[in-house]
Amino acid sequence: MLAIAIVFIFSSCYSTLNIAGTGASKSTVIKKKQWYALWGLVRINHVDPKVMAGETGNYSVKTEFTFGDVVSNIFTSVVSIESKTVTVIK
């Protein structure tokens, strides 16, 4: 019960928004998971927002722990694996 309460209290408590150029001009959304080991110290996969944005120079990047990330991290953090979601809006 405590784990469920923690999930609802702390879901999406971490979020950053970065703007490249003038920011997003359309509503094309691309999402990818960034995975880390050792509770965030070692990156497992590389998610590059520039590659996700493609040739456009104007886009927004939102990095956050979504509700799904928090739920999966409850189980995977036992073996030191955690994830966050990177969203590119262009």
N, C-alpha and C. Protein backbone atom coordinates (compact mmCIF):
# COMPACT_ATOMS: atom_id res chain seq x y z
N MET A 1 0.81 -1.18 0.00
CA MET A 1 0.00 0.00 0.00
C MET A 1 0.87 1.27 0.00
N LEU A 2 1.97 1.20 0.73
CA LEU A 2 2.87 2.35 0.80
C LEU A 2 3.48 2.64 -0.58
N ALA A 3 3.86 1.59 -1.31
CA ALA A 3 4.43 1.79 -2.65
C ALA A 3 3.43 2.45 -3.58
N ILE A 4 2.18 2.08 -3.51
CA ILE A 4 1.15 2.69 -4.35
C ILE A 4 0.97 4.16 -3.99
N ALA A 5 0.99 4.48 -2.71
CA ALA A 5 0.87 5.87 -2.28
C ALA A 5 2.05 6.70 -2.78
N ILE A 6 3.25 6.14 -2.71
CA ILE A 6 4.45 6.84 -3.19
C ILE A 6 4.36 7.11 -4.68
N VAL A 7 3.87 6.13 -5.45
CA VAL A 7 3.73 6.30 -6.90
C VAL A 7 2.82 7.48 -7.22
N PHE A 8 1.71 7.58 -6.54
CA PHE A 8 0.77 8.67 -6.82
C PHE A 8 1.28 10.03 -6.32
N ILE A 9 2.00 10.03 -5.23
CA ILE A 9 2.50 11.28 -4.68
C ILE A 9 3.64 11.84 -5.53
N PHE A 10 4.57 10.97 -5.95
CA PHE A 10 5.77 11.44 -6.62
C PHE A 10 5.78 11.27 -8.13
N SER A 11 4.70 10.87 -8.75
CA SER A 11 4.70 10.70 -10.20
C SER A 11 4.83 12.06 -10.88
N SER A 12 5.67 12.09 -11.90
CA SER A 12 5.96 13.30 -12.67
C SER A 12 6.45 14.45 -11.82
N CYS A 13 7.21 14.13 -10.79
CA CYS A 13 7.72 15.19 -9.93
C CYS A 13 9.00 15.79 -10.50
N TYR A 14 9.55 15.18 -11.51
CA TYR A 14 10.77 15.69 -12.13
C TYR A 14 10.49 15.93 -13.60
N SER A 15 10.69 17.15 -14.05
CA SER A 15 10.45 17.48 -15.44
C SER A 15 11.29 18.68 -15.83
N THR A 16 11.96 18.60 -16.99
CA THR A 16 12.70 19.75 -17.52
C THR A 16 12.24 20.00 -18.95
N LEU A 17 12.25 21.25 -19.35
CA LEU A 17 11.88 21.63 -20.71
C LEU A 17 12.99 22.49 -21.28
N ASN A 18 13.55 22.06 -22.40
CA ASN A 18 14.58 22.80 -23.11
C ASN A 18 14.04 23.19 -24.48
N ILE A 19 14.34 24.41 -24.90
CA ILE A 19 13.85 24.90 -26.18
C ILE A 19 15.04 25.19 -27.09
N ALA A 20 15.01 24.62 -28.30
CA ALA A 20 16.04 24.86 -29.31
C ALA A 20 15.46 25.78 -30.37
N GLY A 21 16.20 26.81 -30.74
CA GLY A 21 15.70 27.78 -31.71
C GLY A 21 14.54 28.55 -31.14
N THR A 22 13.44 28.58 -31.86
CA THR A 22 12.24 29.28 -31.39
C THR A 22 11.24 28.33 -30.73
N GLY A 23 11.62 27.08 -30.59
CA GLY A 23 10.73 26.10 -29.97
C GLY A 23 9.89 25.39 -31.00
N ALA A 24 8.99 24.55 -30.51
CA ALA A 24 8.15 23.75 -31.39
C ALA A 24 7.14 24.62 -32.13
N SER A 25 7.02 24.40 -33.43
CA SER A 25 6.04 25.14 -34.22
C SER A 25 4.88 24.25 -34.67
N LYS A 26 5.06 22.95 -34.60
CA LYS A 26 4.01 22.00 -34.97
C LYS A 26 3.78 21.08 -33.78
N SER A 27 2.94 20.13 -33.95
CA SER A 27 2.62 19.24 -32.84
C SER A 27 3.08 17.81 -33.09
N THR A 28 4.20 17.63 -33.78
CA THR A 28 4.76 16.30 -33.97
C THR A 28 5.51 15.91 -32.70
N VAL A 29 5.12 14.79 -32.09
CA VAL A 29 5.68 14.36 -30.82
C VAL A 29 6.39 13.02 -30.99
N ILE A 30 7.64 12.96 -30.53
CA ILE A 30 8.43 11.73 -30.57
C ILE A 30 8.89 11.44 -29.15
N LYS A 31 8.62 10.21 -28.66
CA LYS A 31 9.00 9.84 -27.29
C LYS A 31 9.93 8.64 -27.33
N LYS A 32 10.93 8.66 -26.45
CA LYS A 32 11.84 7.53 -26.28
C LYS A 32 12.19 7.40 -24.81
N LYS A 33 12.53 6.19 -24.40
CA LYS A 33 12.95 5.91 -23.03
C LYS A 33 14.47 5.98 -22.94
N GLN A 34 14.96 6.66 -21.92
CA GLN A 34 16.38 6.68 -21.61
C GLN A 34 16.57 5.79 -20.39
N TRP A 35 17.45 4.77 -20.50
CA TRP A 35 17.66 3.81 -19.43
C TRP A 35 19.02 4.03 -18.77
N TYR A 36 19.05 3.87 -17.45
CA TYR A 36 20.26 4.05 -16.66
C TYR A 36 20.46 2.87 -15.73
N ALA A 37 21.73 2.58 -15.44
CA ALA A 37 22.10 1.58 -14.44
C ALA A 37 22.72 2.29 -13.25
N LEU A 38 22.87 1.57 -12.17
CA LEU A 38 23.43 2.10 -10.93
C LEU A 38 22.69 3.36 -10.48
N TRP A 39 21.36 3.28 -10.54
CA TRP A 39 20.45 4.34 -10.08
C TRP A 39 20.74 5.69 -10.73
N GLY A 40 21.04 5.67 -12.03
CA GLY A 40 21.21 6.90 -12.78
C GLY A 40 22.65 7.31 -13.04
N LEU A 41 23.62 6.56 -12.59
CA LEU A 41 25.02 6.93 -12.79
C LEU A 41 25.57 6.52 -14.14
N VAL A 42 25.09 5.42 -14.71
CA VAL A 42 25.62 4.90 -15.98
C VAL A 42 24.48 4.82 -16.99
N ARG A 43 24.65 5.51 -18.12
CA ARG A 43 23.63 5.50 -19.17
C ARG A 43 23.75 4.19 -19.96
N ILE A 44 22.63 3.50 -20.15
CA ILE A 44 22.62 2.23 -20.89
C ILE A 44 22.43 2.48 -22.38
N ASN A 45 21.45 3.30 -22.74
CA ASN A 45 21.22 3.62 -24.15
C ASN A 45 21.36 5.12 -24.35
N HIS A 46 21.57 5.53 -25.58
CA HIS A 46 21.76 6.95 -25.87
C HIS A 46 20.55 7.48 -26.63
N VAL A 47 19.85 8.42 -26.05
CA VAL A 47 18.72 9.08 -26.69
C VAL A 47 19.17 10.50 -27.01
N ASP A 48 19.27 10.81 -28.30
CA ASP A 48 19.77 12.11 -28.75
C ASP A 48 18.61 12.95 -29.29
N PRO A 49 18.22 14.01 -28.58
CA PRO A 49 17.11 14.84 -29.04
C PRO A 49 17.36 15.47 -30.41
N LYS A 50 18.61 15.79 -30.74
CA LYS A 50 18.90 16.36 -32.06
C LYS A 50 18.56 15.38 -33.17
N VAL A 51 18.89 14.12 -32.96
CA VAL A 51 18.57 13.08 -33.95
C VAL A 51 17.06 12.88 -34.01
N MET A 52 16.40 12.91 -32.86
CA MET A 52 14.95 12.75 -32.83
C MET A 52 14.25 13.90 -33.55
N ALA A 53 14.80 15.11 -33.45
CA ALA A 53 14.19 16.28 -34.09
C ALA A 53 14.40 16.30 -35.59
N GLY A 54 15.41 15.61 -36.07
CA GLY A 54 15.67 15.59 -37.51
C GLY A 54 16.32 16.86 -37.99
N GLU A 55 15.90 17.34 -39.14
CA GLU A 55 16.54 18.49 -39.77
C GLU A 55 16.04 19.83 -39.25
N THR A 56 14.99 19.85 -38.50
CA THR A 56 14.46 21.12 -37.99
C THR A 56 15.38 21.69 -36.91
N GLY A 57 15.50 22.99 -36.87
CA GLY A 57 16.31 23.64 -35.86
C GLY A 57 15.47 24.20 -34.72
N ASN A 58 14.16 24.11 -34.86
CA ASN A 58 13.25 24.65 -33.86
C ASN A 58 12.43 23.50 -33.26
N TYR A 59 12.71 23.18 -32.00
CA TYR A 59 12.00 22.10 -31.33
C TYR A 59 12.11 22.28 -29.82
N SER A 60 11.29 21.55 -29.10
CA SER A 60 11.31 21.55 -27.64
C SER A 60 11.60 20.14 -27.16
N VAL A 61 12.36 20.03 -26.08
CA VAL A 61 12.70 18.73 -25.51
C VAL A 61 12.23 18.71 -24.06
N LYS A 62 11.39 17.75 -23.73
CA LYS A 62 10.91 17.58 -22.36
C LYS A 62 11.44 16.26 -21.82
N THR A 63 12.11 16.33 -20.69
CA THR A 63 12.65 15.15 -20.03
C THR A 63 11.93 15.02 -18.70
N GLU A 64 11.36 13.83 -18.45
CA GLU A 64 10.56 13.67 -17.23
C GLU A 64 10.48 12.22 -16.79
N PHE A 65 10.13 12.05 -15.53
CA PHE A 65 9.74 10.75 -15.02
C PHE A 65 8.23 10.70 -15.12
N THR A 66 7.71 9.92 -16.06
CA THR A 66 6.27 9.81 -16.23
C THR A 66 5.72 8.81 -15.21
N PHE A 67 4.41 8.71 -15.15
CA PHE A 67 3.78 7.75 -14.25
C PHE A 67 4.26 6.34 -14.57
N GLY A 68 4.35 6.01 -15.86
CA GLY A 68 4.83 4.68 -16.27
C GLY A 68 6.27 4.44 -15.85
N ASP A 69 7.11 5.48 -15.93
CA ASP A 69 8.49 5.35 -15.48
C ASP A 69 8.56 5.05 -13.99
N VAL A 70 7.76 5.77 -13.22
CA VAL A 70 7.77 5.57 -11.77
C VAL A 70 7.34 4.16 -11.42
N VAL A 71 6.29 3.67 -12.07
CA VAL A 71 5.80 2.32 -11.78
C VAL A 71 6.85 1.28 -12.17
N SER A 72 7.45 1.40 -13.35
CA SER A 72 8.46 0.42 -13.75
C SER A 72 9.72 0.53 -12.91
N ASN A 73 10.06 1.75 -12.49
CA ASN A 73 11.25 1.93 -11.66
C ASN A 73 11.11 1.31 -10.28
N ILE A 74 9.89 1.17 -9.80
CA ILE A 74 9.68 0.50 -8.52
C ILE A 74 10.23 -0.92 -8.58
N PHE A 75 10.02 -1.58 -9.72
CA PHE A 75 10.46 -2.97 -9.87
C PHE A 75 11.90 -3.08 -10.35
N THR A 76 12.31 -2.21 -11.27
CA THR A 76 13.65 -2.34 -11.84
C THR A 76 14.73 -1.70 -10.98
N SER A 77 14.37 -0.79 -10.09
CA SER A 77 15.40 -0.16 -9.26
C SER A 77 16.00 -1.14 -8.26
N VAL A 78 15.35 -2.25 -8.03
CA VAL A 78 15.89 -3.29 -7.15
C VAL A 78 17.22 -3.79 -7.71
N VAL A 79 17.33 -3.83 -9.04
CA VAL A 79 18.58 -4.26 -9.69
C VAL A 79 19.31 -3.06 -10.28
N SER A 80 19.03 -1.88 -9.77
CA SER A 80 19.70 -0.60 -10.08
C SER A 80 19.40 -0.05 -11.48
N ILE A 81 18.35 -0.51 -12.14
CA ILE A 81 17.99 -0.01 -13.47
C ILE A 81 16.82 0.97 -13.34
N GLU A 82 16.95 2.14 -13.96
CA GLU A 82 15.89 3.14 -13.94
C GLU A 82 15.72 3.76 -15.32
N SER A 83 14.54 4.34 -15.56
CA SER A 83 14.29 4.96 -16.86
C SER A 83 13.64 6.33 -16.67
N LYS A 84 13.74 7.14 -17.72
CA LYS A 84 13.01 8.40 -17.81
C LYS A 84 12.57 8.55 -19.26
N THR A 85 11.62 9.43 -19.53
CA THR A 85 11.09 9.61 -20.86
C THR A 85 11.59 10.93 -21.43
N VAL A 86 12.10 10.86 -22.68
CA VAL A 86 12.53 12.04 -23.40
C VAL A 86 11.52 12.27 -24.54
N THR A 87 10.91 13.45 -24.56
CA THR A 87 9.90 13.79 -25.56
C THR A 87 10.39 14.98 -26.37
N VAL A 88 10.39 14.83 -27.70
CA VAL A 88 10.75 15.91 -28.60
C VAL A 88 9.50 16.36 -29.32
N ILE A 89 9.20 17.64 -29.24
CA ILE A 89 8.06 18.22 -29.95
C ILE A 89 8.63 19.15 -31.01
N LYS A 90 8.26 18.87 -32.26
CA LYS A 90 8.80 19.71 -33.35
C LYS A 90 7.72 20.21 -34.25
